[in-house]
Amino acid sequence: MTVSIAAAAAFALVWKSLAPLCENFRPATKAGIAFSLRVLPIAISLIVIFAFILPAFVIYEPHDSGETIGLKLALVIGIAVFGLSAALFRIFGSWWRTRRLIGDWLQNARPMKLPAIQIPTYRLRHQFPVFAIVGIIRPQLFVAEQVLETLDESELAAVIRHELGHISALDNLKRLAMKLCADILVVPIGRSLDIYWSDATESAADEYAVGRGGRETALNLAGALIKIARIIPNEPAPPMPAVSYVFEGTGESLAARIRRLIQLAEDENFRAGSSIRTLFPMLVLSTLIVVILATDHAFLALIHNVSEVVLSVLQ
């Protein structure tokens, strides 16, 4: 928890300086950066524990060290146990609420077929204009009846391509991973990354739709967004599953998406991009560094000495 919170705080400070520099990046790249900064604190803490501290302990800790658990160390352990227990409780609560909501949706839905999409699709009776992909391994599509009645055939096809962009990018899985990382952190650090990632993934899915359907899709999708925004009721949006995508809100983010779609419709040289090529070299380099350090006995000895100092302070 200490490593995770410290890393999250450091990345939050880095993000304040990095965010303005990312404005000219493609949406898929921006989403990849935000996702990485959100999950890296937990990933770093796991690497530090299992690649460095635990091996150092196994190699250099004597069998009979004579160390005991003092009051200060017991207090630290208690705080850590409480924090992790609270995180697990929030994770379970999120899963349970999502499960109940999907059950309620299925009670008010009936199966239907839509062109160009093969996953199970349901026509939903709901006061909110839901258009949501739910699930990771077996995704399902829920579409509110008023959305089907509002959109014409070309606009509906554009929205479906947008949702296929979310499926292609594994955005439901990434959203779940970010939610888990936020819950494990306990402290509310990195909320701005969640919002930034959500906006970037929507724009990236827009680009995916345009890249697969042509410039006409951009105008159809923009028209669909405007129509759906007009039928959103004047009441707070109901809680939605943690791993779903819904067209909601009429704020500046929606206006920015529409402006971007119009630009894409006018761009004859547009090609959809991906964040994989940008992030893959960083992942390979990071893995190589971890392997080198984890097999360096001098580095592991240093880690063990540092951990011994920390434990001596907490005795």
C-alpha atoms as a PDB file:
ATOM      1  CA  MET A   1       0.000   0.000   0.000  1.00  0.00           C
ATOM      2  CA  THR A   2       2.849   2.397   0.799  1.00  0.00           C
ATOM      3  CA  VAL A   3       4.491   1.862  -2.581  1.00  0.00           C
ATOM      4  CA  SER A   4       1.150   2.081  -4.405  1.00  0.00           C
ATOM      5  CA  ILE A   5       0.074   5.332  -2.758  1.00  0.00           C
ATOM      6  CA  ALA A   6       3.506   6.921  -3.180  1.00  0.00           C
ATOM      7  CA  ALA A   7       3.621   5.928  -6.868  1.00  0.00           C
ATOM      8  CA  ALA A   8       0.049   7.147  -7.441  1.00  0.00           C
ATOM      9  CA  ALA A   9       0.852  10.515  -5.870  1.00  0.00           C
ATOM     10  CA  ALA A  10       3.987  10.824  -8.005  1.00  0.00           C
ATOM     11  CA  PHE A  11       2.106   9.948 -11.197  1.00  0.00           C
ATOM     12  CA  ALA A  12      -0.655  12.421 -10.299  1.00  0.00           C
ATOM     13  CA  LEU A  13       1.958  15.178 -10.145  1.00  0.00           C
ATOM     14  CA  VAL A  14       3.520  13.982 -13.406  1.00  0.00           C
ATOM     15  CA  TRP A  15       0.096  13.971 -15.063  1.00  0.00           C
ATOM     16  CA  LYS A  16      -0.479  17.658 -14.271  1.00  0.00           C
ATOM     17  CA  SER A  17       2.530  18.503 -16.430  1.00  0.00           C
ATOM     18  CA  LEU A  18       2.005  15.758 -18.997  1.00  0.00           C
ATOM     19  CA  ALA A  19      -1.691  16.312 -19.759  1.00  0.00           C
ATOM     20  CA  PRO A  20      -1.262  19.544 -21.796  1.00  0.00           C
ATOM     21  CA  LEU A  21       1.448  17.855 -23.886  1.00  0.00           C
ATOM     22  CA  CYS A  22      -0.936  15.031 -24.830  1.00  0.00           C
ATOM     23  CA  GLU A  23      -3.579  17.234 -26.424  1.00  0.00           C
ATOM     24  CA  ASN A  24      -2.207  16.729 -29.932  1.00  0.00           C
ATOM     25  CA  PHE A  25      -1.966  12.943 -29.585  1.00  0.00           C
ATOM     26  CA  ARG A  26      -4.466  10.568 -31.158  1.00  0.00           C
ATOM     27  CA  PRO A  27      -7.298   9.554 -28.790  1.00  0.00           C
ATOM     28  CA  ALA A  28      -6.121   5.925 -28.674  1.00  0.00           C
ATOM     29  CA  THR A  29      -2.668   7.070 -27.579  1.00  0.00           C
ATOM     30  CA  LYS A  30      -4.105   9.417 -24.945  1.00  0.00           C
ATOM     31  CA  ALA A  31      -6.292   6.609 -23.596  1.00  0.00           C
ATOM     32  CA  GLY A  32      -3.266   4.310 -23.455  1.00  0.00           C
ATOM     33  CA  ILE A  33      -1.220   6.839 -21.491  1.00  0.00           C
ATOM     34  CA  ALA A  34      -4.034   7.531 -19.011  1.00  0.00           C
ATOM     35  CA  PHE A  35      -4.650   3.805 -18.532  1.00  0.00           C
ATOM     36  CA  SER A  36      -0.947   3.150 -17.936  1.00  0.00           C
ATOM     37  CA  LEU A  37      -0.632   5.920 -15.352  1.00  0.00           C
ATOM     38  CA  ARG A  38      -3.731   4.623 -13.550  1.00  0.00           C
ATOM     39  CA  VAL A  39      -2.663   0.982 -13.256  1.00  0.00           C
ATOM     40  CA  LEU A  40       1.099   1.503 -12.909  1.00  0.00           C
ATOM     41  CA  PRO A  41       1.045   2.273  -9.143  1.00  0.00           C
ATOM     42  CA  ILE A  42      -0.466  -1.128  -8.365  1.00  0.00           C
ATOM     43  CA  ALA A  43       1.744  -2.834 -10.952  1.00  0.00           C
ATOM     44  CA  ILE A  44       4.852  -1.191  -9.492  1.00  0.00           C
ATOM     45  CA  SER A  45       3.906  -2.220  -5.964  1.00  0.00           C
ATOM     46  CA  LEU A  46       3.408  -5.847  -7.060  1.00  0.00           C
ATOM     47  CA  ILE A  47       6.750  -5.799  -8.890  1.00  0.00           C
ATOM     48  CA  VAL A  48       8.550  -4.320  -5.876  1.00  0.00           C
ATOM     49  CA  ILE A  49       7.056  -6.962  -3.571  1.00  0.00           C
ATOM     50  CA  PHE A  50       7.326 -10.110  -5.693  1.00  0.00           C
ATOM     51  CA  ALA A  51      10.368  -9.306  -7.851  1.00  0.00           C
ATOM     52  CA  PHE A  52      12.539  -7.492  -5.297  1.00  0.00           C
ATOM     53  CA  ILE A  53      11.535  -7.584  -1.613  1.00  0.00           C
ATOM     54  CA  LEU A  54      10.335 -11.198  -1.413  1.00  0.00           C
ATOM     55  CA  PRO A  55      13.343 -12.703  -3.282  1.00  0.00           C
ATOM     56  CA  ALA A  56      15.705 -10.554  -1.197  1.00  0.00           C
ATOM     57  CA  PHE A  57      14.029 -11.801   1.978  1.00  0.00           C
ATOM     58  CA  VAL A  58      14.273 -15.450   0.901  1.00  0.00           C
ATOM     59  CA  ILE A  59      17.941 -15.150  -0.091  1.00  0.00           C
ATOM     60  CA  TYR A  60      19.372 -12.932   2.683  1.00  0.00           C
ATOM     61  CA  GLU A  61      17.101 -13.229   5.728  1.00  0.00           C
ATOM     62  CA  PRO A  62      18.543 -15.602   8.371  1.00  0.00           C
ATOM     63  CA  HIS A  63      16.260 -18.361   9.649  1.00  0.00           C
ATOM     64  CA  ASP A  64      16.499 -17.086  13.229  1.00  0.00           C
ATOM     65  CA  SER A  65      16.677 -13.314  12.996  1.00  0.00           C
ATOM     66  CA  GLY A  66      15.324 -12.659  16.490  1.00  0.00           C
ATOM     67  CA  GLU A  67      13.009  -9.951  15.131  1.00  0.00           C
ATOM     68  CA  THR A  68       9.618  -9.424  16.736  1.00  0.00           C
ATOM     69  CA  ILE A  69       6.525  -7.430  15.843  1.00  0.00           C
ATOM     70  CA  GLY A  70       6.488  -4.239  17.906  1.00  0.00           C
ATOM     71  CA  LEU A  71       3.601  -1.879  18.565  1.00  0.00           C
ATOM     72  CA  LYS A  72       4.439   0.475  15.695  1.00  0.00           C
ATOM     73  CA  LEU A  73       4.779  -2.371  13.194  1.00  0.00           C
ATOM     74  CA  ALA A  74       1.529  -3.924  14.438  1.00  0.00           C
ATOM     75  CA  LEU A  75      -0.198  -0.577  13.916  1.00  0.00           C
ATOM     76  CA  VAL A  76       1.142  -0.357  10.348  1.00  0.00           C
ATOM     77  CA  ILE A  77      -0.009  -3.919   9.671  1.00  0.00           C
ATOM     78  CA  GLY A  78      -3.456  -3.110  11.078  1.00  0.00           C
ATOM     79  CA  ILE A  79      -3.804  -0.037   8.852  1.00  0.00           C
ATOM     80  CA  ALA A  80      -2.751  -2.065   5.806  1.00  0.00           C
ATOM     81  CA  VAL A  81      -5.188  -4.885   6.608  1.00  0.00           C
ATOM     82  CA  PHE A  82      -8.020  -2.387   7.164  1.00  0.00           C
ATOM     83  CA  GLY A  83      -7.250  -0.577   3.897  1.00  0.00           C
ATOM     84  CA  LEU A  84      -7.079  -3.757   1.836  1.00  0.00           C
ATOM     85  CA  SER A  85     -10.259  -5.098   3.475  1.00  0.00           C
ATOM     86  CA  ALA A  86     -12.076  -1.855   2.645  1.00  0.00           C
ATOM     87  CA  ALA A  87     -10.833  -2.093  -0.942  1.00  0.00           C
ATOM     88  CA  LEU A  88     -12.065  -5.699  -1.255  1.00  0.00           C
ATOM     89  CA  PHE A  89     -15.428  -4.643   0.188  1.00  0.00           C
ATOM     90  CA  ARG A  90     -15.782  -1.870  -2.405  1.00  0.00           C
ATOM     91  CA  ILE A  91     -14.760  -4.235  -5.207  1.00  0.00           C
ATOM     92  CA  PHE A  92     -17.352  -6.799  -4.098  1.00  0.00           C
ATOM     93  CA  GLY A  93     -19.991  -4.082  -3.746  1.00  0.00           C
ATOM     94  CA  SER A  94     -19.305  -2.829  -7.270  1.00  0.00           C
ATOM     95  CA  TRP A  95     -19.552  -6.368  -8.661  1.00  0.00           C
ATOM     96  CA  TRP A  96     -22.791  -7.037  -6.772  1.00  0.00           C
ATOM     97  CA  ARG A  97     -24.448  -3.788  -7.907  1.00  0.00           C
ATOM     98  CA  THR A  98     -23.437  -4.484 -11.498  1.00  0.00           C
ATOM     99  CA  ARG A  99     -24.822  -8.019 -11.319  1.00  0.00           C
ATOM    100  CA  ARG A 100     -28.135  -6.802  -9.899  1.00  0.00           C
ATOM    101  CA  LEU A 101     -28.466  -4.054 -12.494  1.00  0.00           C
ATOM    102  CA  ILE A 102     -27.816  -6.446 -15.388  1.00  0.00           C
ATOM    103  CA  GLY A 103     -30.452  -8.769 -13.917  1.00  0.00           C
ATOM    104  CA  ASP A 104     -32.938  -5.886 -13.813  1.00  0.00           C
ATOM    105  CA  TRP A 105     -32.112  -4.992 -17.409  1.00  0.00           C
ATOM    106  CA  LEU A 106     -32.661  -8.557 -18.583  1.00  0.00           C
ATOM    107  CA  GLN A 107     -36.085  -8.619 -16.914  1.00  0.00           C
ATOM    108  CA  ASN A 108     -37.114  -5.580 -18.971  1.00  0.00           C
ATOM    109  CA  ALA A 109     -35.478  -6.643 -22.231  1.00  0.00           C
ATOM    110  CA  ARG A 110     -36.082  -9.012 -25.097  1.00  0.00           C
ATOM    111  CA  PRO A 111     -33.589 -10.418 -27.603  1.00  0.00           C
ATOM    112  CA  MET A 112     -33.225  -8.742 -30.969  1.00  0.00           C
ATOM    113  CA  LYS A 113     -30.943  -8.787 -34.008  1.00  0.00           C
ATOM    114  CA  LEU A 114     -28.955  -5.865 -35.342  1.00  0.00           C
ATOM    115  CA  PRO A 115     -26.837  -5.848 -38.498  1.00  0.00           C
ATOM    116  CA  ALA A 116     -23.034  -6.042 -38.323  1.00  0.00           C
ATOM    117  CA  ILE A 117     -22.887  -7.192 -34.702  1.00  0.00           C
ATOM    118  CA  GLN A 118     -22.830 -10.820 -33.578  1.00  0.00           C
ATOM    119  CA  ILE A 119     -22.948 -10.546 -29.780  1.00  0.00           C
ATOM    120  CA  PRO A 120     -26.247 -11.077 -27.881  1.00  0.00           C
ATOM    121  CA  THR A 121     -28.353  -7.950 -28.268  1.00  0.00           C
ATOM    122  CA  TYR A 122     -31.384  -6.883 -26.237  1.00  0.00           C
ATOM    123  CA  ARG A 123     -34.112  -4.298 -26.747  1.00  0.00           C
ATOM    124  CA  LEU A 124     -34.513  -2.617 -23.369  1.00  0.00           C
ATOM    125  CA  ARG A 125     -37.371  -0.701 -21.762  1.00  0.00           C
ATOM    126  CA  HIS A 126     -35.603   2.020 -19.797  1.00  0.00           C
ATOM    127  CA  GLN A 127     -36.260   5.703 -19.047  1.00  0.00           C
ATOM    128  CA  PHE A 128     -32.683   6.567 -20.011  1.00  0.00           C
ATOM    129  CA  PRO A 129     -31.416   6.284 -23.630  1.00  0.00           C
ATOM    130  CA  VAL A 130     -29.159   3.312 -22.896  1.00  0.00           C
ATOM    131  CA  PHE A 131     -26.783   2.048 -25.566  1.00  0.00           C
ATOM    132  CA  ALA A 132     -24.389  -0.130 -23.617  1.00  0.00           C
ATOM    133  CA  ILE A 133     -21.916  -2.948 -24.096  1.00  0.00           C
ATOM    134  CA  VAL A 134     -21.818  -4.976 -20.884  1.00  0.00           C
ATOM    135  CA  GLY A 135     -19.382  -7.760 -20.089  1.00  0.00           C
ATOM    136  CA  ILE A 136     -15.842  -8.761 -20.998  1.00  0.00           C
ATOM    137  CA  ILE A 137     -15.631 -12.439 -21.940  1.00  0.00           C
ATOM    138  CA  ARG A 138     -19.211 -12.651 -23.254  1.00  0.00           C
ATOM    139  CA  PRO A 139     -20.229  -9.053 -23.992  1.00  0.00           C
ATOM    140  CA  GLN A 140     -23.894  -8.163 -24.429  1.00  0.00           C
ATOM    141  CA  LEU A 141     -25.461  -5.127 -26.061  1.00  0.00           C
ATOM    142  CA  PHE A 142     -28.438  -3.344 -24.464  1.00  0.00           C
ATOM    143  CA  VAL A 143     -30.309  -0.727 -26.478  1.00  0.00           C
ATOM    144  CA  ALA A 144     -33.193   1.332 -25.112  1.00  0.00           C
ATOM    145  CA  GLU A 145     -36.365   1.331 -27.205  1.00  0.00           C
ATOM    146  CA  GLN A 146     -36.418   5.121 -27.544  1.00  0.00           C
ATOM    147  CA  VAL A 147     -32.924   5.006 -29.084  1.00  0.00           C
ATOM    148  CA  LEU A 148     -34.069   2.500 -31.713  1.00  0.00           C
ATOM    149  CA  GLU A 149     -37.085   4.692 -32.462  1.00  0.00           C
ATOM    150  CA  THR A 150     -35.013   7.892 -32.669  1.00  0.00           C
ATOM    151  CA  LEU A 151     -32.099   6.817 -34.885  1.00  0.00           C
ATOM    152  CA  ASP A 152     -32.376   5.982 -38.559  1.00  0.00           C
ATOM    153  CA  GLU A 153     -30.651   2.949 -40.073  1.00  0.00           C
ATOM    154  CA  SER A 154     -27.390   4.690 -41.010  1.00  0.00           C
ATOM    155  CA  GLU A 155     -27.074   6.386 -37.608  1.00  0.00           C
ATOM    156  CA  LEU A 156     -27.729   3.112 -35.825  1.00  0.00           C
ATOM    157  CA  ALA A 157     -25.027   1.425 -37.919  1.00  0.00           C
ATOM    158  CA  ALA A 158     -22.575   4.202 -36.997  1.00  0.00           C
ATOM    159  CA  VAL A 159     -23.296   3.782 -33.277  1.00  0.00           C
ATOM    160  CA  ILE A 160     -22.817   0.015 -33.582  1.00  0.00           C
ATOM    161  CA  ARG A 161     -19.408   0.582 -35.193  1.00  0.00           C
ATOM    162  CA  HIS A 162     -18.563   2.868 -32.283  1.00  0.00           C
ATOM    163  CA  GLU A 163     -19.429   0.130 -29.787  1.00  0.00           C
ATOM    164  CA  LEU A 164     -17.398  -2.384 -31.782  1.00  0.00           C
ATOM    165  CA  GLY A 165     -14.467  -0.018 -31.298  1.00  0.00           C
ATOM    166  CA  HIS A 166     -14.843  -0.408 -27.532  1.00  0.00           C
ATOM    167  CA  ILE A 167     -14.920  -4.197 -27.889  1.00  0.00           C
ATOM    168  CA  SER A 168     -11.872  -4.193 -30.176  1.00  0.00           C
ATOM    169  CA  ALA A 169      -9.877  -2.062 -27.708  1.00  0.00           C
ATOM    170  CA  LEU A 170     -10.911  -4.239 -24.722  1.00  0.00           C
ATOM    171  CA  ASP A 171     -12.159  -1.091 -23.032  1.00  0.00           C
ATOM    172  CA  ASN A 172     -14.471  -2.989 -20.666  1.00  0.00           C
ATOM    173  CA  LEU A 173     -11.510  -4.966 -19.354  1.00  0.00           C
ATOM    174  CA  LYS A 174      -9.437  -1.792 -19.005  1.00  0.00           C
ATOM    175  CA  ARG A 175     -12.270   0.000 -17.203  1.00  0.00           C
ATOM    176  CA  LEU A 176     -12.517  -2.901 -14.753  1.00  0.00           C
ATOM    177  CA  ALA A 177      -8.745  -2.871 -14.188  1.00  0.00           C
ATOM    178  CA  MET A 178      -8.796   0.875 -13.504  1.00  0.00           C
ATOM    179  CA  LYS A 179     -11.713   0.472 -11.099  1.00  0.00           C
ATOM    180  CA  LEU A 180      -9.869  -2.283  -9.218  1.00  0.00           C
ATOM    181  CA  CYS A 181      -6.693  -0.191  -9.028  1.00  0.00           C
ATOM    182  CA  ALA A 182      -8.644   2.798  -7.720  1.00  0.00           C
ATOM    183  CA  ASP A 183     -10.319   0.655  -5.044  1.00  0.00           C
ATOM    184  CA  ILE A 184      -7.051  -0.957  -3.932  1.00  0.00           C
ATOM    185  CA  LEU A 185      -5.379   2.449  -3.591  1.00  0.00           C
ATOM    186  CA  VAL A 186      -7.991   3.386  -0.940  1.00  0.00           C
ATOM    187  CA  VAL A 187      -7.084   7.097  -1.129  1.00  0.00           C
ATOM    188  CA  PRO A 188      -8.809   9.172  -3.868  1.00  0.00           C
ATOM    189  CA  ILE A 189      -5.792   9.756  -6.107  1.00  0.00           C
ATOM    190  CA  GLY A 190      -6.024   9.744  -9.901  1.00  0.00           C
ATOM    191  CA  ARG A 191      -9.700  10.605 -10.424  1.00  0.00           C
ATOM    192  CA  SER A 192      -8.757  13.028 -13.199  1.00  0.00           C
ATOM    193  CA  LEU A 193      -7.103  10.135 -15.062  1.00  0.00           C
ATOM    194  CA  ASP A 194     -10.378   8.199 -14.967  1.00  0.00           C
ATOM    195  CA  ILE A 195     -12.284  11.078 -16.546  1.00  0.00           C
ATOM    196  CA  TYR A 196      -9.566  11.747 -19.113  1.00  0.00           C
ATOM    197  CA  TRP A 197      -9.405   8.057 -20.051  1.00  0.00           C
ATOM    198  CA  SER A 198     -13.170   7.822 -20.422  1.00  0.00           C
ATOM    199  CA  ASP A 199     -13.289  10.830 -22.774  1.00  0.00           C
ATOM    200  CA  ALA A 200     -10.300   9.541 -24.773  1.00  0.00           C
ATOM    201  CA  THR A 201     -11.787   6.071 -25.222  1.00  0.00           C
ATOM    202  CA  GLU A 202     -15.027   7.532 -26.544  1.00  0.00           C
ATOM    203  CA  SER A 203     -13.093   9.592 -29.105  1.00  0.00           C
ATOM    204  CA  ALA A 204     -10.940   6.571 -29.980  1.00  0.00           C
ATOM    205  CA  ALA A 205     -14.078   4.484 -30.558  1.00  0.00           C
ATOM    206  CA  ASP A 206     -15.403   7.299 -32.765  1.00  0.00           C
ATOM    207  CA  GLU A 207     -12.225   7.118 -34.844  1.00  0.00           C
ATOM    208  CA  TYR A 208     -12.525   3.337 -35.040  1.00  0.00           C
ATOM    209  CA  ALA A 209     -16.064   3.686 -36.390  1.00  0.00           C
ATOM    210  CA  VAL A 210     -15.003   6.255 -38.975  1.00  0.00           C
ATOM    211  CA  GLY A 211     -11.977   4.190 -39.970  1.00  0.00           C
ATOM    212  CA  ARG A 212     -14.177   1.155 -40.632  1.00  0.00           C
ATOM    213  CA  GLY A 213     -17.205   2.897 -42.081  1.00  0.00           C
ATOM    214  CA  GLY A 214     -15.812   5.870 -43.983  1.00  0.00           C
ATOM    215  CA  ARG A 215     -16.267   9.611 -43.674  1.00  0.00           C
ATOM    216  CA  GLU A 216     -20.047   9.308 -43.988  1.00  0.00           C
ATOM    217  CA  THR A 217     -20.016   7.387 -40.700  1.00  0.00           C
ATOM    218  CA  ALA A 218     -18.564  10.442 -38.960  1.00  0.00           C
ATOM    219  CA  LEU A 219     -21.591  12.563 -39.880  1.00  0.00           C
ATOM    220  CA  ASN A 220     -24.028   9.769 -39.040  1.00  0.00           C
ATOM    221  CA  LEU A 221     -22.414   9.258 -35.651  1.00  0.00           C
ATOM    222  CA  ALA A 222     -22.439  12.988 -34.923  1.00  0.00           C
ATOM    223  CA  GLY A 223     -26.122  13.099 -35.826  1.00  0.00           C
ATOM    224  CA  ALA A 224     -26.813  10.117 -33.583  1.00  0.00           C
ATOM    225  CA  LEU A 225     -25.063  11.779 -30.645  1.00  0.00           C
ATOM    226  CA  ILE A 226     -27.149  14.923 -31.078  1.00  0.00           C
ATOM    227  CA  LYS A 227     -30.403  12.955 -31.308  1.00  0.00           C
ATOM    228  CA  ILE A 228     -29.600  10.849 -28.247  1.00  0.00           C
ATOM    229  CA  ALA A 229     -28.601  13.957 -26.266  1.00  0.00           C
ATOM    230  CA  ARG A 230     -32.003  15.486 -27.026  1.00  0.00           C
ATOM    231  CA  ILE A 231     -33.934  12.556 -25.512  1.00  0.00           C
ATOM    232  CA  ILE A 232     -31.939  12.372 -22.276  1.00  0.00           C
ATOM    233  CA  PRO A 233     -34.473  13.069 -19.489  1.00  0.00           C
ATOM    234  CA  ASN A 234     -34.025  16.030 -17.157  1.00  0.00           C
ATOM    235  CA  GLU A 235     -33.087  13.870 -14.202  1.00  0.00           C
ATOM    236  CA  PRO A 236     -29.892  12.316 -12.868  1.00  0.00           C
ATOM    237  CA  ALA A 237     -28.656   9.354 -14.869  1.00  0.00           C
ATOM    238  CA  PRO A 238     -29.308   6.025 -13.124  1.00  0.00           C
ATOM    239  CA  PRO A 239     -26.316   4.004 -11.919  1.00  0.00           C
ATOM    240  CA  MET A 240     -24.859   2.017 -14.785  1.00  0.00           C
ATOM    241  CA  PRO A 241     -22.689  -1.118 -14.681  1.00  0.00           C
ATOM    242  CA  ALA A 242     -19.028  -0.534 -13.989  1.00  0.00           C
ATOM    243  CA  VAL A 243     -18.082  -2.191 -17.274  1.00  0.00           C
ATOM    244  CA  SER A 244     -20.469  -0.686 -19.799  1.00  0.00           C
ATOM    245  CA  TYR A 245     -20.605   2.203 -22.200  1.00  0.00           C
ATOM    246  CA  VAL A 246     -23.531   4.561 -22.379  1.00  0.00           C
ATOM    247  CA  PHE A 247     -24.166   7.688 -24.410  1.00  0.00           C
ATOM    248  CA  GLU A 248     -24.880  10.200 -21.710  1.00  0.00           C
ATOM    249  CA  GLY A 249     -24.256  13.827 -20.932  1.00  0.00           C
ATOM    250  CA  THR A 250     -24.475  16.924 -23.060  1.00  0.00           C
ATOM    251  CA  GLY A 251     -21.474  18.851 -21.808  1.00  0.00           C
ATOM    252  CA  GLU A 252     -18.286  20.090 -23.405  1.00  0.00           C
ATOM    253  CA  SER A 253     -16.936  16.565 -23.905  1.00  0.00           C
ATOM    254  CA  LEU A 254     -19.897  15.734 -26.150  1.00  0.00           C
ATOM    255  CA  ALA A 255     -19.492  18.993 -28.076  1.00  0.00           C
ATOM    256  CA  ALA A 256     -15.784  18.226 -28.544  1.00  0.00           C
ATOM    257  CA  ARG A 257     -16.634  14.773 -29.903  1.00  0.00           C
ATOM    258  CA  ILE A 258     -19.080  16.213 -32.407  1.00  0.00           C
ATOM    259  CA  ARG A 259     -16.562  18.823 -33.569  1.00  0.00           C
ATOM    260  CA  ARG A 260     -13.950  16.086 -33.965  1.00  0.00           C
ATOM    261  CA  LEU A 261     -16.359  13.914 -35.972  1.00  0.00           C
ATOM    262  CA  ILE A 262     -17.036  16.811 -38.339  1.00  0.00           C
ATOM    263  CA  GLN A 263     -13.278  17.248 -38.779  1.00  0.00           C
ATOM    264  CA  LEU A 264     -12.931  13.536 -39.551  1.00  0.00           C
ATOM    265  CA  ALA A 265     -15.680  13.797 -42.154  1.00  0.00           C
ATOM    266  CA  GLU A 266     -13.680  16.538 -43.888  1.00  0.00           C
ATOM    267  CA  ASP A 267     -10.323  14.716 -43.647  1.00  0.00           C
ATOM    268  CA  GLU A 268      -9.748  12.694 -46.799  1.00  0.00           C
ATOM    269  CA  ASN A 269      -6.502  11.190 -45.477  1.00  0.00           C
ATOM    270  CA  PHE A 270      -7.806   9.975 -42.132  1.00  0.00           C
ATOM    271  CA  ARG A 271      -6.667   6.559 -40.883  1.00  0.00           C
ATOM    272  CA  ALA A 272      -7.626   5.119 -37.506  1.00  0.00           C
ATOM    273  CA  GLY A 273      -4.714   4.816 -35.080  1.00  0.00           C
ATOM    274  CA  SER A 274      -3.809   2.537 -32.184  1.00  0.00           C
ATOM    275  CA  SER A 275      -1.949   2.979 -28.912  1.00  0.00           C
ATOM    276  CA  ILE A 276      -0.367  -0.496 -29.037  1.00  0.00           C
ATOM    277  CA  ARG A 277       2.617   0.559 -31.128  1.00  0.00           C
ATOM    278  CA  THR A 278       3.275   3.455 -28.775  1.00  0.00           C
ATOM    279  CA  LEU A 279       3.074   1.499 -25.516  1.00  0.00           C
ATOM    280  CA  PHE A 280       4.562  -1.858 -26.547  1.00  0.00           C
ATOM    281  CA  PRO A 281       8.220  -0.688 -26.663  1.00  0.00           C
ATOM    282  CA  MET A 282       7.786   0.876 -23.205  1.00  0.00           C
ATOM    283  CA  LEU A 283       6.381  -2.400 -21.876  1.00  0.00           C
ATOM    284  CA  VAL A 284       9.264  -4.428 -23.333  1.00  0.00           C
ATOM    285  CA  LEU A 285      11.861  -2.014 -21.932  1.00  0.00           C
ATOM    286  CA  SER A 286      10.252  -2.002 -18.482  1.00  0.00           C
ATOM    287  CA  THR A 287      10.103  -5.799 -18.402  1.00  0.00           C
ATOM    288  CA  LEU A 288      13.770  -6.018 -19.378  1.00  0.00           C
ATOM    289  CA  ILE A 289      14.779  -3.605 -16.594  1.00  0.00           C
ATOM    290  CA  VAL A 290      12.782  -5.553 -13.996  1.00  0.00           C
ATOM    291  CA  VAL A 291      14.356  -8.875 -15.059  1.00  0.00           C
ATOM    292  CA  ILE A 292      17.873  -7.414 -14.906  1.00  0.00           C
ATOM    293  CA  LEU A 293      17.321  -5.938 -11.421  1.00  0.00           C
ATOM    294  CA  ALA A 294      15.546  -9.029 -10.094  1.00  0.00           C
ATOM    295  CA  THR A 295      18.549 -11.204 -11.034  1.00  0.00           C
ATOM    296  CA  ASP A 296      21.168  -8.794  -9.692  1.00  0.00           C
ATOM    297  CA  HIS A 297      22.236 -10.098  -6.264  1.00  0.00           C
ATOM    298  CA  ALA A 298      23.897  -6.829  -5.341  1.00  0.00           C
ATOM    299  CA  PHE A 299      20.640  -4.957  -5.958  1.00  0.00           C
ATOM    300  CA  LEU A 300      18.633  -7.549  -3.990  1.00  0.00           C
ATOM    301  CA  ALA A 301      21.103  -7.240  -1.109  1.00  0.00           C
ATOM    302  CA  LEU A 302      20.576  -3.469  -1.136  1.00  0.00           C
ATOM    303  CA  ILE A 303      16.796  -3.963  -1.091  1.00  0.00           C
ATOM    304  CA  HIS A 304      17.108  -6.312   1.882  1.00  0.00           C
ATOM    305  CA  ASN A 305      19.283  -3.849   3.785  1.00  0.00           C
ATOM    306  CA  VAL A 306      16.782  -1.046   3.176  1.00  0.00           C
ATOM    307  CA  SER A 307      13.880  -3.223   4.332  1.00  0.00           C
ATOM    308  CA  GLU A 308      15.838  -4.142   7.479  1.00  0.00           C
ATOM    309  CA  VAL A 309      16.324  -0.451   8.263  1.00  0.00           C
ATOM    310  CA  VAL A 310      12.612   0.186   7.831  1.00  0.00           C
ATOM    311  CA  LEU A 311      11.720  -2.744  10.084  1.00  0.00           C
ATOM    312  CA  SER A 312      14.184  -1.627  12.742  1.00  0.00           C
ATOM    313  CA  VAL A 313      12.538   1.806  12.809  1.00  0.00           C
ATOM    314  CA  LEU A 314       9.118   0.181  13.250  1.00  0.00           C
ATOM    315  CA  GLN A 315      10.183  -2.167  16.067  1.00  0.00           C
END
